[in-house]
N, C-alpha and C. Protein backbone atom coordinates (compact mmCIF):
# COMPACT_ATOMS: atom_id res chain seq x y z
N MET A 1 -91.87 24.41 50.05
CA MET A 1 -91.79 22.97 49.99
C MET A 1 -92.19 22.41 51.36
N ARG A 2 -93.09 21.48 51.37
CA ARG A 2 -93.54 20.82 52.60
C ARG A 2 -92.86 19.48 52.76
N VAL A 3 -92.31 19.24 53.94
CA VAL A 3 -91.71 17.95 54.25
C VAL A 3 -92.65 17.27 55.25
N PRO A 4 -93.23 16.13 54.88
CA PRO A 4 -94.18 15.47 55.79
C PRO A 4 -93.55 15.17 57.15
N GLY A 5 -94.27 15.54 58.20
CA GLY A 5 -93.84 15.24 59.55
C GLY A 5 -92.80 16.17 60.14
N VAL A 6 -92.32 17.14 59.39
CA VAL A 6 -91.24 17.99 59.90
C VAL A 6 -91.74 18.92 61.02
N ILE A 7 -92.98 19.34 60.97
CA ILE A 7 -93.51 20.20 62.03
C ILE A 7 -93.57 19.43 63.34
N GLU A 8 -94.09 18.22 63.29
CA GLU A 8 -94.14 17.38 64.49
C GLU A 8 -92.73 17.07 65.00
N TYR A 9 -91.81 16.84 64.07
CA TYR A 9 -90.41 16.56 64.43
C TYR A 9 -89.81 17.75 65.18
N ALA A 10 -90.05 18.95 64.67
CA ALA A 10 -89.54 20.16 65.33
C ALA A 10 -90.19 20.34 66.70
N GLN A 11 -91.48 20.07 66.80
CA GLN A 11 -92.16 20.19 68.09
C GLN A 11 -91.57 19.23 69.11
N GLU A 12 -91.30 18.00 68.70
CA GLU A 12 -90.71 17.01 69.61
C GLU A 12 -89.33 17.46 70.09
N LYS A 13 -88.52 17.95 69.16
CA LYS A 13 -87.16 18.36 69.51
C LYS A 13 -87.16 19.52 70.50
N VAL A 14 -88.00 20.52 70.28
CA VAL A 14 -88.05 21.67 71.18
C VAL A 14 -88.71 21.28 72.49
N ARG A 15 -89.75 20.46 72.45
CA ARG A 15 -90.42 20.02 73.68
C ARG A 15 -89.45 19.25 74.58
N ALA A 16 -88.57 18.47 73.98
CA ALA A 16 -87.58 17.72 74.76
C ALA A 16 -86.67 18.68 75.54
N LEU A 17 -86.35 19.82 74.95
CA LEU A 17 -85.51 20.80 75.63
C LEU A 17 -86.27 21.53 76.74
N THR A 18 -87.53 21.84 76.49
CA THR A 18 -88.29 22.60 77.48
C THR A 18 -88.49 21.80 78.75
N GLY A 19 -88.49 20.49 78.65
CA GLY A 19 -88.63 19.66 79.83
C GLY A 19 -87.40 19.66 80.72
N ARG A 20 -86.28 20.12 80.20
CA ARG A 20 -85.03 20.13 80.96
C ARG A 20 -84.71 21.49 81.57
N THR A 21 -85.55 22.48 81.38
CA THR A 21 -85.23 23.82 81.88
C THR A 21 -85.39 23.95 83.38
N GLY A 22 -86.27 23.17 83.99
CA GLY A 22 -86.51 23.30 85.42
C GLY A 22 -87.37 24.49 85.77
N GLU A 23 -87.78 25.25 84.77
CA GLU A 23 -88.64 26.42 84.95
C GLU A 23 -89.72 26.37 83.88
N PRO A 24 -90.81 27.08 84.12
CA PRO A 24 -91.87 27.06 83.11
C PRO A 24 -91.46 27.78 81.82
N VAL A 25 -91.79 27.18 80.71
CA VAL A 25 -91.60 27.83 79.41
C VAL A 25 -92.94 28.49 79.07
N LEU A 26 -92.94 29.81 79.08
CA LEU A 26 -94.17 30.56 78.90
C LEU A 26 -94.58 30.69 77.45
N PHE A 27 -93.61 30.59 76.55
CA PHE A 27 -93.88 30.77 75.13
C PHE A 27 -92.78 30.08 74.34
N ALA A 28 -93.16 29.41 73.28
CA ALA A 28 -92.17 28.80 72.38
C ALA A 28 -92.66 28.98 70.95
N ARG A 29 -91.76 29.42 70.10
CA ARG A 29 -92.10 29.60 68.68
C ARG A 29 -90.95 29.05 67.86
N VAL A 30 -91.29 28.24 66.88
CA VAL A 30 -90.29 27.72 65.95
C VAL A 30 -90.75 28.08 64.54
N LYS A 31 -89.84 28.63 63.77
CA LYS A 31 -90.14 29.00 62.39
C LYS A 31 -89.20 28.22 61.47
N LEU A 32 -89.78 27.50 60.53
CA LEU A 32 -89.02 26.73 59.56
C LEU A 32 -89.24 27.33 58.17
N THR A 33 -88.16 27.52 57.45
CA THR A 33 -88.22 28.12 56.12
C THR A 33 -87.31 27.35 55.18
N HIS A 34 -87.80 27.10 53.98
CA HIS A 34 -86.94 26.51 52.94
C HIS A 34 -86.99 27.45 51.74
N LEU A 35 -85.87 28.08 51.45
CA LEU A 35 -85.80 29.05 50.36
C LEU A 35 -85.64 28.32 49.03
N ALA A 36 -86.35 28.77 48.04
CA ALA A 36 -86.33 28.12 46.73
C ALA A 36 -85.25 28.72 45.84
N ASN A 37 -84.05 28.84 46.36
CA ASN A 37 -82.93 29.39 45.60
C ASN A 37 -81.90 28.28 45.41
N PRO A 38 -81.81 27.70 44.22
CA PRO A 38 -80.88 26.58 44.01
C PRO A 38 -79.41 26.97 44.16
N ALA A 39 -79.10 28.24 44.16
CA ALA A 39 -77.71 28.68 44.30
C ALA A 39 -77.24 28.67 45.75
N MET A 40 -78.17 28.56 46.69
CA MET A 40 -77.80 28.58 48.12
C MET A 40 -77.33 27.21 48.57
N GLU A 41 -76.23 27.20 49.32
CA GLU A 41 -75.71 25.95 49.88
C GLU A 41 -76.60 25.42 50.99
N ARG A 42 -77.13 26.34 51.81
CA ARG A 42 -77.94 25.95 52.97
C ARG A 42 -79.27 26.71 52.94
N PRO A 43 -80.22 26.25 52.13
CA PRO A 43 -81.48 26.98 51.97
C PRO A 43 -82.50 26.73 53.08
N ALA A 44 -82.26 25.78 53.96
CA ALA A 44 -83.22 25.48 55.04
C ALA A 44 -82.84 26.27 56.29
N LEU A 45 -83.80 27.02 56.79
CA LEU A 45 -83.57 27.86 57.97
C LEU A 45 -84.50 27.41 59.09
N ALA A 46 -84.00 27.44 60.30
CA ALA A 46 -84.81 27.14 61.48
C ALA A 46 -84.50 28.18 62.55
N GLN A 47 -85.56 28.72 63.13
CA GLN A 47 -85.42 29.72 64.18
C GLN A 47 -86.29 29.32 65.36
N ALA A 48 -85.83 29.62 66.56
CA ALA A 48 -86.62 29.34 67.76
C ALA A 48 -86.52 30.50 68.73
N ASN A 49 -87.64 30.81 69.37
CA ASN A 49 -87.71 31.81 70.43
C ASN A 49 -88.44 31.16 71.59
N LEU A 50 -87.81 31.16 72.76
CA LEU A 50 -88.43 30.61 73.96
C LEU A 50 -88.41 31.66 75.06
N ASP A 51 -89.50 31.76 75.77
CA ASP A 51 -89.57 32.59 76.97
C ASP A 51 -89.56 31.63 78.15
N VAL A 52 -88.43 31.57 78.84
CA VAL A 52 -88.26 30.68 79.98
C VAL A 52 -88.44 31.51 81.24
N ASN A 53 -89.66 31.51 81.75
CA ASN A 53 -89.99 32.22 82.98
C ASN A 53 -89.53 33.67 82.94
N GLY A 54 -89.73 34.32 81.81
CA GLY A 54 -89.40 35.73 81.68
C GLY A 54 -88.05 36.03 81.05
N ARG A 55 -87.26 35.01 80.75
CA ARG A 55 -85.96 35.20 80.10
C ARG A 55 -86.02 34.61 78.70
N LEU A 56 -85.47 35.30 77.74
CA LEU A 56 -85.56 34.86 76.34
C LEU A 56 -84.34 34.05 75.93
N ALA A 57 -84.62 32.98 75.20
CA ALA A 57 -83.58 32.16 74.58
C ALA A 57 -83.92 32.09 73.10
N ARG A 58 -82.95 32.43 72.26
CA ARG A 58 -83.17 32.45 70.82
C ARG A 58 -82.07 31.69 70.12
N ALA A 59 -82.42 31.07 69.00
CA ALA A 59 -81.43 30.36 68.19
C ALA A 59 -81.87 30.41 66.73
N HIS A 60 -80.88 30.39 65.84
CA HIS A 60 -81.13 30.47 64.41
C HIS A 60 -80.04 29.67 63.70
N VAL A 61 -80.42 28.80 62.78
CA VAL A 61 -79.44 27.99 62.05
C VAL A 61 -79.86 27.88 60.58
N ALA A 62 -78.89 27.54 59.75
CA ALA A 62 -79.12 27.25 58.33
C ALA A 62 -78.51 25.90 58.03
N ALA A 63 -79.17 25.13 57.15
CA ALA A 63 -78.69 23.79 56.82
C ALA A 63 -79.11 23.43 55.40
N THR A 64 -78.69 22.26 54.97
CA THR A 64 -79.02 21.77 53.63
C THR A 64 -80.48 21.34 53.55
N THR A 65 -80.97 20.65 54.59
CA THR A 65 -82.36 20.19 54.61
C THR A 65 -83.05 20.74 55.86
N VAL A 66 -84.38 20.74 55.83
CA VAL A 66 -85.13 21.24 56.98
C VAL A 66 -84.92 20.32 58.18
N THR A 67 -84.87 19.03 57.98
CA THR A 67 -84.66 18.09 59.08
C THR A 67 -83.30 18.33 59.73
N GLU A 68 -82.28 18.53 58.91
CA GLU A 68 -80.95 18.83 59.45
C GLU A 68 -80.98 20.15 60.21
N ALA A 69 -81.71 21.13 59.70
CA ALA A 69 -81.82 22.43 60.38
C ALA A 69 -82.46 22.26 61.76
N VAL A 70 -83.48 21.42 61.85
CA VAL A 70 -84.14 21.18 63.14
C VAL A 70 -83.16 20.53 64.12
N ASP A 71 -82.38 19.57 63.66
CA ASP A 71 -81.40 18.92 64.53
C ASP A 71 -80.36 19.93 65.03
N LEU A 72 -79.86 20.76 64.12
CA LEU A 72 -78.89 21.79 64.51
C LEU A 72 -79.51 22.81 65.46
N LEU A 73 -80.78 23.14 65.21
CA LEU A 73 -81.48 24.09 66.07
C LEU A 73 -81.59 23.55 67.48
N GLN A 74 -81.89 22.27 67.62
CA GLN A 74 -81.99 21.68 68.96
C GLN A 74 -80.66 21.80 69.70
N ASP A 75 -79.56 21.51 69.00
CA ASP A 75 -78.24 21.62 69.63
C ASP A 75 -77.93 23.07 70.03
N ARG A 76 -78.19 23.99 69.12
CA ARG A 76 -77.90 25.40 69.40
C ARG A 76 -78.77 25.92 70.54
N LEU A 77 -80.04 25.56 70.53
CA LEU A 77 -80.96 26.02 71.56
C LEU A 77 -80.60 25.42 72.92
N ALA A 78 -80.14 24.18 72.94
CA ALA A 78 -79.71 23.55 74.19
C ALA A 78 -78.57 24.35 74.81
N GLY A 79 -77.63 24.77 73.98
CA GLY A 79 -76.53 25.60 74.47
C GLY A 79 -77.00 26.93 75.01
N ARG A 80 -77.95 27.54 74.32
CA ARG A 80 -78.49 28.82 74.78
C ARG A 80 -79.19 28.66 76.14
N LEU A 81 -79.94 27.58 76.28
CA LEU A 81 -80.66 27.35 77.53
C LEU A 81 -79.69 27.09 78.69
N GLU A 82 -78.60 26.40 78.43
CA GLU A 82 -77.60 26.15 79.48
C GLU A 82 -76.95 27.44 79.95
N ARG A 83 -76.81 28.40 79.05
CA ARG A 83 -76.14 29.66 79.40
C ARG A 83 -77.12 30.77 79.78
N LEU A 84 -78.39 30.44 79.91
CA LEU A 84 -79.39 31.43 80.28
C LEU A 84 -79.08 31.96 81.67
N PRO A 85 -78.99 33.27 81.84
CA PRO A 85 -78.64 33.80 83.17
C PRO A 85 -79.76 33.52 84.16
N PRO A 86 -79.42 33.31 85.43
CA PRO A 86 -80.45 33.05 86.44
C PRO A 86 -81.29 34.30 86.68
N ARG A 87 -82.52 34.07 87.10
CA ARG A 87 -83.39 35.20 87.46
C ARG A 87 -82.88 35.81 88.75
N PRO A 88 -82.96 37.12 88.90
CA PRO A 88 -82.55 37.75 90.17
C PRO A 88 -83.35 37.18 91.33
N GLY A 89 -82.65 36.79 92.39
CA GLY A 89 -83.31 36.26 93.57
C GLY A 89 -83.65 34.79 93.49
N ALA A 90 -83.36 34.15 92.36
CA ALA A 90 -83.66 32.73 92.21
C ALA A 90 -82.60 31.89 92.92
N PRO A 91 -83.00 30.72 93.44
CA PRO A 91 -81.99 29.86 94.06
C PRO A 91 -81.00 29.37 93.02
N PRO A 92 -79.78 29.06 93.42
CA PRO A 92 -78.79 28.60 92.44
C PRO A 92 -79.23 27.27 91.83
N PRO A 93 -78.84 27.04 90.57
CA PRO A 93 -79.22 25.78 89.91
C PRO A 93 -78.49 24.61 90.56
N PRO A 94 -79.05 23.41 90.44
CA PRO A 94 -78.37 22.24 91.00
C PRO A 94 -77.06 21.99 90.28
N PRO A 95 -76.08 21.37 90.94
CA PRO A 95 -74.79 21.11 90.28
C PRO A 95 -74.98 20.17 89.09
N ARG A 96 -74.20 20.40 88.06
CA ARG A 96 -74.28 19.57 86.85
C ARG A 96 -73.39 18.36 86.99
N ARG A 97 -73.87 17.25 86.43
CA ARG A 97 -73.07 16.03 86.40
C ARG A 97 -72.15 16.09 85.20
N PRO A 98 -71.00 15.43 85.25
CA PRO A 98 -70.11 15.38 84.08
C PRO A 98 -70.85 14.78 82.89
N CYS A 99 -70.39 15.13 81.70
CA CYS A 99 -71.05 14.69 80.48
C CYS A 99 -70.90 13.20 80.23
N GLY A 100 -69.96 12.55 80.86
CA GLY A 100 -69.79 11.10 80.67
C GLY A 100 -68.93 10.75 79.49
N GLY A 101 -68.20 11.73 78.96
CA GLY A 101 -67.32 11.48 77.83
C GLY A 101 -66.14 10.60 78.20
N ALA A 102 -65.32 10.25 77.24
CA ALA A 102 -64.19 9.34 77.46
C ALA A 102 -63.21 9.88 78.51
N ALA A 103 -63.08 11.20 78.59
CA ALA A 103 -62.15 11.79 79.55
C ALA A 103 -62.62 11.58 80.99
N HIS A 104 -63.92 11.35 81.18
CA HIS A 104 -64.47 11.19 82.51
C HIS A 104 -64.60 9.73 82.93
N ARG A 105 -64.33 8.82 82.06
CA ARG A 105 -64.50 7.41 82.36
C ARG A 105 -63.28 6.87 83.10
N GLN A 106 -63.51 5.91 83.94
CA GLN A 106 -62.45 5.29 84.72
C GLN A 106 -61.90 4.10 83.99
């Protein structure tokens, strides 16, 4: 099943993450699959593999729709990229700012 614009949507979501890595993304692959099994609760699958300057970040999710799967994939991949171990000999990453949630507000 083809969903119009979903490939471009997935590209935008992953591209937004690659801009935040601070390192070159050497390779990015996103695979979208919609299984034609009406008995499955979450037939839409999204997978991503990124090579961030020699370190791999991978994510895989299942959802009801392909668009929802792409959104979940972006969230999961963002978490993977945040926890990516530093390269040996690389300078330490800059300090992170608080998320700005209600607990951090004055």
